[in-house]
C-alpha atoms as a PDB file:
ATOM      1  CA  UNK A   1     131.164  -8.243 -10.750  1.00  0.00           C
ATOM      2  CA  UNK A   2     132.400  -6.043 -13.640  1.00  0.00           C
ATOM      3  CA  UNK A   3     130.274  -5.406 -17.428  1.00  0.00           C
ATOM      4  CA  UNK A   4     131.456  -7.730 -19.803  1.00  0.00           C
ATOM      5  CA  UNK A   5     133.915  -7.101 -22.089  1.00  0.00           C
ATOM      6  CA  UNK A   6     133.125  -6.563 -25.627  1.00  0.00           C
ATOM      7  CA  UNK A   7     133.843  -7.284 -28.356  1.00  0.00           C
ATOM      8  CA  UNK A   8     132.315 -10.833 -29.390  1.00  0.00           C
ATOM      9  CA  UNK A   9     128.948 -12.635 -29.079  1.00  0.00           C
ATOM     10  CA  UNK A  10     127.725 -11.394 -26.209  1.00  0.00           C
ATOM     11  CA  UNK A  11     125.243 -13.901 -25.060  1.00  0.00           C
ATOM     12  CA  UNK A  12     128.030 -15.883 -25.263  1.00  0.00           C
ATOM     13  CA  UNK A  13     130.145 -13.841 -23.035  1.00  0.00           C
ATOM     14  CA  UNK A  14     127.543 -14.094 -20.534  1.00  0.00           C
ATOM     15  CA  UNK A  15     127.030 -17.346 -21.002  1.00  0.00           C
ATOM     16  CA  UNK A  16     130.866 -18.003 -19.796  1.00  0.00           C
ATOM     17  CA  UNK A  17     130.787 -15.982 -16.897  1.00  0.00           C
ATOM     18  CA  UNK A  18     127.560 -17.772 -15.904  1.00  0.00           C
ATOM     19  CA  UNK A  19     129.228 -20.664 -16.506  1.00  0.00           C
ATOM     20  CA  UNK A  20     132.051 -20.004 -14.560  1.00  0.00           C
ATOM     21  CA  UNK A  21     129.888 -19.166 -11.480  1.00  0.00           C
ATOM     22  CA  UNK A  22     128.519 -22.524 -11.505  1.00  0.00           C
ATOM     23  CA  UNK A  23     132.017 -24.618 -11.928  1.00  0.00           C
ATOM     24  CA  UNK A  24     133.396 -22.762  -9.049  1.00  0.00           C
ATOM     25  CA  UNK A  25     130.543 -23.306  -6.893  1.00  0.00           C
ATOM     26  CA  UNK A  26     129.135 -19.811  -6.480  1.00  0.00           C
ATOM     27  CA  UNK A  27     125.667 -20.700  -8.204  1.00  0.00           C
ATOM     28  CA  UNK A  28     125.510 -24.601  -6.961  1.00  0.00           C
ATOM     29  CA  UNK A  29     123.677 -27.676  -8.131  1.00  0.00           C
ATOM     30  CA  UNK A  30     119.818 -27.347  -7.413  1.00  0.00           C
ATOM     31  CA  UNK A  31     120.388 -23.225  -6.734  1.00  0.00           C
ATOM     32  CA  UNK A  32     118.137 -20.801  -8.530  1.00  0.00           C
ATOM     33  CA  UNK A  33     119.910 -18.277 -11.147  1.00  0.00           C
ATOM     34  CA  UNK A  34     119.488 -15.128 -10.246  1.00  0.00           C
ATOM     35  CA  UNK A  35     116.381 -13.132 -12.175  1.00  0.00           C
ATOM     36  CA  UNK A  36     116.932 -11.778 -15.540  1.00  0.00           C
ATOM     37  CA  UNK A  37     116.511  -8.283 -13.945  1.00  0.00           C
ATOM     38  CA  UNK A  38     119.777  -9.416 -11.297  1.00  0.00           C
ATOM     39  CA  UNK A  39     121.718 -10.803 -14.545  1.00  0.00           C
ATOM     40  CA  UNK A  40     121.049  -7.529 -16.375  1.00  0.00           C
ATOM     41  CA  UNK A  41     122.429  -5.246 -13.716  1.00  0.00           C
ATOM     42  CA  UNK A  42     125.131  -8.020 -12.989  1.00  0.00           C
ATOM     43  CA  UNK A  43     126.635  -8.042 -16.448  1.00  0.00           C
ATOM     44  CA  UNK A  44     125.015  -4.668 -17.900  1.00  0.00           C
ATOM     45  CA  UNK A  45     123.752  -5.959 -20.869  1.00  0.00           C
ATOM     46  CA  UNK A  46     119.962  -6.261 -22.216  1.00  0.00           C
ATOM     47  CA  UNK A  47     117.425  -8.787 -21.315  1.00  0.00           C
ATOM     48  CA  UNK A  48     117.460 -10.626 -25.062  1.00  0.00           C
ATOM     49  CA  UNK A  49     121.384 -11.132 -24.296  1.00  0.00           C
ATOM     50  CA  UNK A  50     120.665 -12.511 -20.994  1.00  0.00           C
ATOM     51  CA  UNK A  51     117.664 -14.618 -22.730  1.00  0.00           C
ATOM     52  CA  UNK A  52     120.061 -15.786 -25.115  1.00  0.00           C
ATOM     53  CA  UNK A  53     122.797 -16.847 -22.545  1.00  0.00           C
ATOM     54  CA  UNK A  54     120.210 -18.722 -20.555  1.00  0.00           C
ATOM     55  CA  UNK A  55     119.212 -20.604 -23.671  1.00  0.00           C
ATOM     56  CA  UNK A  56     122.692 -21.581 -24.691  1.00  0.00           C
ATOM     57  CA  UNK A  57     123.081 -22.930 -21.024  1.00  0.00           C
ATOM     58  CA  UNK A  58     120.003 -24.784 -20.968  1.00  0.00           C
ATOM     59  CA  UNK A  59     120.956 -26.548 -24.761  1.00  0.00           C
ATOM     60  CA  UNK A  60     124.083 -27.575 -22.833  1.00  0.00           C
ATOM     61  CA  UNK A  61     122.583 -29.378 -20.239  1.00  0.00           C
ATOM     62  CA  UNK A  62     123.858 -27.009 -17.122  1.00  0.00           C
ATOM     63  CA  UNK A  63     120.907 -25.426 -16.431  1.00  0.00           C
ATOM     64  CA  UNK A  64     117.026 -26.040 -16.154  1.00  0.00           C
ATOM     65  CA  UNK A  65     113.580 -23.667 -16.874  1.00  0.00           C
ATOM     66  CA  UNK A  66     110.868 -24.580 -14.773  1.00  0.00           C
ATOM     67  CA  UNK A  67     107.848 -22.210 -15.876  1.00  0.00           C
ATOM     68  CA  UNK A  68     106.597 -19.915 -12.905  1.00  0.00           C
ATOM     69  CA  UNK A  69     109.575 -20.578 -10.980  1.00  0.00           C
ATOM     70  CA  UNK A  70     112.562 -19.545 -12.925  1.00  0.00           C
ATOM     71  CA  UNK A  71     115.788 -21.075 -13.920  1.00  0.00           C
ATOM     72  CA  UNK A  72     118.138 -23.712 -12.033  1.00  0.00           C
ATOM     73  CA  UNK A  73     121.564 -25.095 -12.096  1.00  0.00           C
ATOM     74  CA  UNK A  74     120.677 -28.787 -12.736  1.00  0.00           C
ATOM     75  CA  UNK A  75     121.645 -31.176 -10.204  1.00  0.00           C
ATOM     76  CA  UNK A  76     124.756 -33.527 -10.594  1.00  0.00           C
ATOM     77  CA  UNK A  77     123.087 -36.177  -7.805  1.00  0.00           C
ATOM     78  CA  UNK A  78     123.758 -39.678  -9.009  1.00  0.00           C
ATOM     79  CA  UNK A  79     121.001 -41.880 -10.652  1.00  0.00           C
ATOM     80  CA  UNK A  80     117.994 -42.767  -8.309  1.00  0.00           C
ATOM     81  CA  UNK A  81     117.652 -46.081 -10.235  1.00  0.00           C
ATOM     82  CA  UNK A  82     120.219 -48.728 -11.248  1.00  0.00           C
ATOM     83  CA  UNK A  83     118.978 -51.762 -13.564  1.00  0.00           C
ATOM     84  CA  UNK A  84     120.697 -54.995 -13.693  1.00  0.00           C
ATOM     85  CA  UNK A  85     121.005 -56.314 -17.235  1.00  0.00           C
ATOM     86  CA  UNK A  86     121.097 -59.966 -16.363  1.00  0.00           C
ATOM     87  CA  UNK A  87     119.424 -62.989 -17.275  1.00  0.00           C
ATOM     88  CA  UNK A  88     118.508 -65.978 -14.853  1.00  0.00           C
ATOM     89  CA  UNK A  89     117.175 -69.399 -15.051  1.00  0.00           C
ATOM     90  CA  UNK A  90     115.662 -71.382 -12.422  1.00  0.00           C
ATOM     91  CA  UNK A  91     115.381 -75.259 -11.844  1.00  0.00           C
ATOM     92  CA  UNK A  92     112.273 -74.962 -13.252  1.00  0.00           C
ATOM     93  CA  UNK A  93     113.221 -73.157 -16.442  1.00  0.00           C
ATOM     94  CA  UNK A  94     111.712 -70.355 -16.073  1.00  0.00           C
ATOM     95  CA  UNK A  95     113.353 -66.929 -17.131  1.00  0.00           C
ATOM     96  CA  UNK A  96     113.993 -63.857 -14.990  1.00  0.00           C
ATOM     97  CA  UNK A  97     115.744 -60.645 -16.554  1.00  0.00           C
ATOM     98  CA  UNK A  98     115.581 -57.999 -13.441  1.00  0.00           C
ATOM     99  CA  UNK A  99     112.936 -55.978 -14.424  1.00  0.00           C
ATOM    100  CA  UNK A 100     109.961 -57.720 -13.441  1.00  0.00           C
ATOM    101  CA  UNK A 101     109.024 -54.524 -10.529  1.00  0.00           C
ATOM    102  CA  UNK A 102     108.804 -52.086 -14.012  1.00  0.00           C
ATOM    103  CA  UNK A 103     105.136 -51.663 -14.736  1.00  0.00           C
ATOM    104  CA  UNK A 104     103.477 -51.343 -18.072  1.00  0.00           C
ATOM    105  CA  UNK A 105     102.297 -47.697 -18.856  1.00  0.00           C
ATOM    106  CA  UNK A 106      99.911 -48.921 -21.123  1.00  0.00           C
ATOM    107  CA  UNK A 107      99.351 -51.714 -23.413  1.00  0.00           C
ATOM    108  CA  UNK A 108     101.862 -53.408 -25.660  1.00  0.00           C
ATOM    109  CA  UNK A 109     102.207 -51.967 -29.588  1.00  0.00           C
ATOM    110  CA  UNK A 110     102.420 -55.075 -31.909  1.00  0.00           C
ATOM    111  CA  UNK A 111     103.487 -54.086 -35.733  1.00  0.00           C
ATOM    112  CA  UNK A 112     104.937 -55.457 -38.747  1.00  0.00           C
ATOM    113  CA  UNK A 113     108.342 -54.227 -40.248  1.00  0.00           C
ATOM    114  CA  UNK A 114     111.181 -54.807 -41.370  1.00  0.00           C
ATOM    115  CA  UNK A 115     115.201 -54.981 -40.740  1.00  0.00           C
ATOM    116  CA  UNK A 116     117.366 -51.791 -41.228  1.00  0.00           C
ATOM    117  CA  UNK A 117     120.828 -50.945 -42.228  1.00  0.00           C
ATOM    118  CA  UNK A 118     121.323 -50.951 -38.592  1.00  0.00           C
ATOM    119  CA  UNK A 119     119.030 -53.834 -37.089  1.00  0.00           C
ATOM    120  CA  UNK A 120     119.882 -56.186 -39.765  1.00  0.00           C
ATOM    121  CA  UNK A 121     123.371 -56.764 -38.997  1.00  0.00           C
ATOM    122  CA  UNK A 122     122.529 -57.326 -35.340  1.00  0.00           C
ATOM    123  CA  UNK A 123     119.915 -60.061 -36.718  1.00  0.00           C
ATOM    124  CA  UNK A 124     121.919 -61.655 -39.116  1.00  0.00           C
ATOM    125  CA  UNK A 125     119.383 -60.700 -41.978  1.00  0.00           C
ATOM    126  CA  UNK A 126     119.527 -58.456 -44.473  1.00  0.00           C
ATOM    127  CA  UNK A 127     118.355 -55.247 -45.048  1.00  0.00           C
ATOM    128  CA  UNK A 128     114.065 -55.117 -45.228  1.00  0.00           C
ATOM    129  CA  UNK A 129     113.371 -58.659 -43.868  1.00  0.00           C
ATOM    130  CA  UNK A 130     109.805 -59.319 -42.226  1.00  0.00           C
ATOM    131  CA  UNK A 131     109.813 -58.318 -38.551  1.00  0.00           C
ATOM    132  CA  UNK A 132     107.084 -58.270 -35.603  1.00  0.00           C
ATOM    133  CA  UNK A 133     107.865 -55.023 -33.667  1.00  0.00           C
ATOM    134  CA  UNK A 134     106.500 -54.785 -30.219  1.00  0.00           C
ATOM    135  CA  UNK A 135     106.954 -51.508 -28.093  1.00  0.00           C
ATOM    136  CA  UNK A 136     106.262 -51.057 -24.308  1.00  0.00           C
ATOM    137  CA  UNK A 137     106.020 -48.362 -22.208  1.00  0.00           C
ATOM    138  CA  UNK A 138     107.201 -48.919 -18.663  1.00  0.00           C
ATOM    139  CA  UNK A 139     107.172 -47.181 -15.737  1.00  0.00           C
ATOM    140  CA  UNK A 140     109.513 -48.013 -12.312  1.00  0.00           C
ATOM    141  CA  UNK A 141     106.677 -47.579  -9.705  1.00  0.00           C
ATOM    142  CA  UNK A 142     109.158 -46.213  -7.166  1.00  0.00           C
ATOM    143  CA  UNK A 143     111.069 -43.584  -8.657  1.00  0.00           C
ATOM    144  CA  UNK A 144     108.241 -42.907 -11.723  1.00  0.00           C
ATOM    145  CA  UNK A 145     111.610 -43.198 -14.450  1.00  0.00           C
ATOM    146  CA  UNK A 146     109.970 -44.428 -17.647  1.00  0.00           C
ATOM    147  CA  UNK A 147     111.780 -46.844 -20.326  1.00  0.00           C
ATOM    148  CA  UNK A 148     110.973 -47.431 -23.849  1.00  0.00           C
ATOM    149  CA  UNK A 149     111.162 -51.343 -24.752  1.00  0.00           C
ATOM    150  CA  UNK A 150     111.166 -52.474 -27.935  1.00  0.00           C
ATOM    151  CA  UNK A 151     111.337 -56.077 -29.278  1.00  0.00           C
ATOM    152  CA  UNK A 152     111.875 -57.456 -32.850  1.00  0.00           C
ATOM    153  CA  UNK A 153     111.663 -60.861 -34.185  1.00  0.00           C
ATOM    154  CA  UNK A 154     112.077 -62.045 -37.125  1.00  0.00           C
ATOM    155  CA  UNK A 155     109.474 -63.864 -39.181  1.00  0.00           C
ATOM    156  CA  UNK A 156     112.086 -66.849 -39.542  1.00  0.00           C
ATOM    157  CA  UNK A 157     112.176 -66.955 -35.821  1.00  0.00           C
ATOM    158  CA  UNK A 158     108.619 -67.058 -34.884  1.00  0.00           C
ATOM    159  CA  UNK A 159     107.777 -69.640 -37.475  1.00  0.00           C
ATOM    160  CA  UNK A 160     106.672 -72.734 -35.748  1.00  0.00           C
ATOM    161  CA  UNK A 161     105.987 -71.148 -32.758  1.00  0.00           C
ATOM    162  CA  UNK A 162     103.211 -69.606 -30.355  1.00  0.00           C
ATOM    163  CA  UNK A 163     105.363 -66.317 -31.054  1.00  0.00           C
ATOM    164  CA  UNK A 164     103.873 -66.575 -34.622  1.00  0.00           C
ATOM    165  CA  UNK A 165     100.215 -65.886 -33.051  1.00  0.00           C
ATOM    166  CA  UNK A 166     101.645 -63.927 -29.748  1.00  0.00           C
ATOM    167  CA  UNK A 167     104.705 -62.199 -30.862  1.00  0.00           C
ATOM    168  CA  UNK A 168     103.694 -59.234 -27.602  1.00  0.00           C
ATOM    169  CA  UNK A 169     104.851 -62.437 -25.535  1.00  0.00           C
ATOM    170  CA  UNK A 170     106.613 -60.754 -22.206  1.00  0.00           C
ATOM    171  CA  UNK A 171     110.522 -61.400 -23.280  1.00  0.00           C
ATOM    172  CA  UNK A 172     110.808 -64.075 -20.307  1.00  0.00           C
ATOM    173  CA  UNK A 173     108.334 -66.352 -22.011  1.00  0.00           C
ATOM    174  CA  UNK A 174     110.019 -65.469 -25.542  1.00  0.00           C
ATOM    175  CA  UNK A 175     113.205 -67.138 -23.679  1.00  0.00           C
ATOM    176  CA  UNK A 176     110.977 -70.021 -22.611  1.00  0.00           C
ATOM    177  CA  UNK A 177     109.333 -70.426 -26.051  1.00  0.00           C
ATOM    178  CA  UNK A 178     112.917 -70.580 -28.217  1.00  0.00           C
ATOM    179  CA  UNK A 179     114.213 -73.225 -25.453  1.00  0.00           C
ATOM    180  CA  UNK A 180     111.437 -75.368 -25.935  1.00  0.00           C
ATOM    181  CA  UNK A 181     112.215 -75.413 -29.715  1.00  0.00           C
ATOM    182  CA  UNK A 182     115.519 -76.483 -29.061  1.00  0.00           C
ATOM    183  CA  UNK A 183     117.657 -73.388 -28.740  1.00  0.00           C
ATOM    184  CA  UNK A 184     120.644 -73.167 -26.143  1.00  0.00           C
ATOM    185  CA  UNK A 185     120.685 -69.421 -25.174  1.00  0.00           C
ATOM    186  CA  UNK A 186     123.151 -66.505 -25.141  1.00  0.00           C
ATOM    187  CA  UNK A 187     123.258 -63.101 -25.325  1.00  0.00           C
ATOM    188  CA  UNK A 188     125.075 -60.091 -26.214  1.00  0.00           C
ATOM    189  CA  UNK A 189     124.725 -56.590 -25.232  1.00  0.00           C
ATOM    190  CA  UNK A 190     125.806 -53.176 -26.193  1.00  0.00           C
ATOM    191  CA  UNK A 191     125.055 -49.849 -24.202  1.00  0.00           C
ATOM    192  CA  UNK A 192     125.626 -46.259 -25.331  1.00  0.00           C
ATOM    193  CA  UNK A 193     124.503 -43.112 -24.800  1.00  0.00           C
ATOM    194  CA  UNK A 194     122.764 -40.505 -27.480  1.00  0.00           C
ATOM    195  CA  UNK A 195     120.655 -37.531 -27.562  1.00  0.00           C
ATOM    196  CA  UNK A 196     116.426 -38.646 -27.352  1.00  0.00           C
ATOM    197  CA  UNK A 197     114.766 -38.058 -30.627  1.00  0.00           C
ATOM    198  CA  UNK A 198     112.079 -35.843 -29.862  1.00  0.00           C
ATOM    199  CA  UNK A 199     109.364 -38.733 -29.401  1.00  0.00           C
ATOM    200  CA  UNK A 200     111.374 -40.007 -26.797  1.00  0.00           C
ATOM    201  CA  UNK A 201     111.792 -37.010 -24.879  1.00  0.00           C
ATOM    202  CA  UNK A 202     108.053 -36.371 -24.887  1.00  0.00           C
ATOM    203  CA  UNK A 203     107.272 -39.985 -24.051  1.00  0.00           C
ATOM    204  CA  UNK A 204     110.266 -40.691 -21.820  1.00  0.00           C
ATOM    205  CA  UNK A 205     109.362 -36.986 -20.147  1.00  0.00           C
ATOM    206  CA  UNK A 206     113.387 -35.812 -20.172  1.00  0.00           C
ATOM    207  CA  UNK A 207     114.196 -32.539 -19.482  1.00  0.00           C
ATOM    208  CA  UNK A 208     115.875 -30.678 -22.183  1.00  0.00           C
ATOM    209  CA  UNK A 209     119.545 -31.756 -22.848  1.00  0.00           C
ATOM    210  CA  UNK A 210     119.181 -35.034 -21.293  1.00  0.00           C
ATOM    211  CA  UNK A 211     120.780 -37.622 -22.645  1.00  0.00           C
ATOM    212  CA  UNK A 212     119.586 -41.250 -22.652  1.00  0.00           C
ATOM    213  CA  UNK A 213     121.103 -44.755 -22.104  1.00  0.00           C
ATOM    214  CA  UNK A 214     120.503 -47.191 -24.892  1.00  0.00           C
ATOM    215  CA  UNK A 215     120.591 -50.745 -24.663  1.00  0.00           C
ATOM    216  CA  UNK A 216     120.275 -53.232 -27.456  1.00  0.00           C
ATOM    217  CA  UNK A 217     120.545 -56.711 -26.538  1.00  0.00           C
ATOM    218  CA  UNK A 218     120.666 -60.071 -28.990  1.00  0.00           C
ATOM    219  CA  UNK A 219     119.361 -63.531 -28.308  1.00  0.00           C
ATOM    220  CA  UNK A 220     121.462 -66.152 -29.793  1.00  0.00           C
ATOM    221  CA  UNK A 221     120.860 -69.937 -30.361  1.00  0.00           C
ATOM    222  CA  UNK A 222     121.882 -72.730 -31.506  1.00  0.00           C
ATOM    223  CA  UNK A 223     125.202 -71.939 -33.193  1.00  0.00           C
ATOM    224  CA  UNK A 224     125.111 -68.590 -32.435  1.00  0.00           C
ATOM    225  CA  UNK A 225     122.411 -67.461 -34.872  1.00  0.00           C
ATOM    226  CA  UNK A 226     120.883 -64.315 -33.631  1.00  0.00           C
ATOM    227  CA  UNK A 227     116.899 -65.218 -33.011  1.00  0.00           C
ATOM    228  CA  UNK A 228     115.221 -61.333 -31.632  1.00  0.00           C
ATOM    229  CA  UNK A 229     116.467 -58.310 -30.420  1.00  0.00           C
ATOM    230  CA  UNK A 230     115.593 -55.925 -27.468  1.00  0.00           C
ATOM    231  CA  UNK A 231     116.505 -52.309 -27.493  1.00  0.00           C
ATOM    232  CA  UNK A 232     115.799 -50.374 -24.218  1.00  0.00           C
ATOM    233  CA  UNK A 233     115.887 -46.508 -23.692  1.00  0.00           C
ATOM    234  CA  UNK A 234     115.686 -44.661 -20.369  1.00  0.00           C
ATOM    235  CA  UNK A 235     116.528 -41.410 -18.878  1.00  0.00           C
ATOM    236  CA  UNK A 236     120.582 -41.198 -18.804  1.00  0.00           C
ATOM    237  CA  UNK A 237     120.045 -38.578 -15.952  1.00  0.00           C
ATOM    238  CA  UNK A 238     117.797 -40.635 -13.288  1.00  0.00           C
ATOM    239  CA  UNK A 239     119.412 -44.254 -14.468  1.00  0.00           C
ATOM    240  CA  UNK A 240     122.035 -46.477 -14.947  1.00  0.00           C
ATOM    241  CA  UNK A 241     122.822 -50.036 -16.072  1.00  0.00           C
ATOM    242  CA  UNK A 242     124.628 -52.642 -13.651  1.00  0.00           C
ATOM    243  CA  UNK A 243     126.403 -55.773 -15.201  1.00  0.00           C
ATOM    244  CA  UNK A 244     127.858 -59.174 -13.356  1.00  0.00           C
ATOM    245  CA  UNK A 245     130.609 -60.247 -15.024  1.00  0.00           C
ATOM    246  CA  UNK A 246     132.240 -63.910 -14.712  1.00  0.00           C
ATOM    247  CA  UNK A 247     135.577 -65.611 -15.907  1.00  0.00           C
ATOM    248  CA  UNK A 248     135.229 -67.320 -18.968  1.00  0.00           C
ATOM    249  CA  UNK A 249     137.736 -70.034 -20.058  1.00  0.00           C
ATOM    250  CA  UNK A 250     140.010 -70.439 -22.605  1.00  0.00           C
ATOM    251  CA  UNK A 251     137.941 -73.273 -23.630  1.00  0.00           C
ATOM    252  CA  UNK A 252     134.425 -71.309 -23.593  1.00  0.00           C
ATOM    253  CA  UNK A 253     135.994 -68.600 -25.491  1.00  0.00           C
ATOM    254  CA  UNK A 254     137.015 -70.461 -28.735  1.00  0.00           C
ATOM    255  CA  UNK A 255     133.313 -72.332 -28.365  1.00  0.00           C
ATOM    256  CA  UNK A 256     131.590 -68.776 -28.525  1.00  0.00           C
ATOM    257  CA  UNK A 257     134.479 -67.682 -31.027  1.00  0.00           C
END
């Protein structure tokens, strides 16, 4: 290949040329890129220019750098883990969520916090209302994929239940306690992809430019009152979420509207 044509930001031109080589299959997923010396010779540019181009492609998520080995085209393999986002209840009244196989990587952390401009509306509360926060770090034993799980419990929900003394109960146990308190439960959930915060990237052990999947589940009680909020954050590279959808009659839709 001929030298890069000037003018323009030279590193961007080199990045574009490497990007083209990736998209056309010259450098397939999982393959190593040529060494810095080879790229310098290939494009007729300086070492700093090549390094800036690699940094740009790394930021885009097209390549990953493995220390001691070099730069590699990021694999486009399918996610290795599928998370079933379900809630079921057996005849004995026991709830399951489909995540029972996940193992805690450490003990849950309980803290007191307040609603924010984001969490307040989801819980039907004003900003600044008192909450219990419970943070868990989970690991899938088969794939090693990590997930952050947070439960937010308003003091008004916990009052008069065992949650006031044991807010770190597992979600399945919380559902059972709320049912025992007389609530008929339902759930709503939203899911989005976003870039991780620095501490999330470190804790989840994510490579550069890997987004996270962020699922927010609200548990509703009697009269559709929001009772608790759960947040699940995990790797968008290694995991995908699956949902079971069933038809709802017009009468049911009107009853929940």
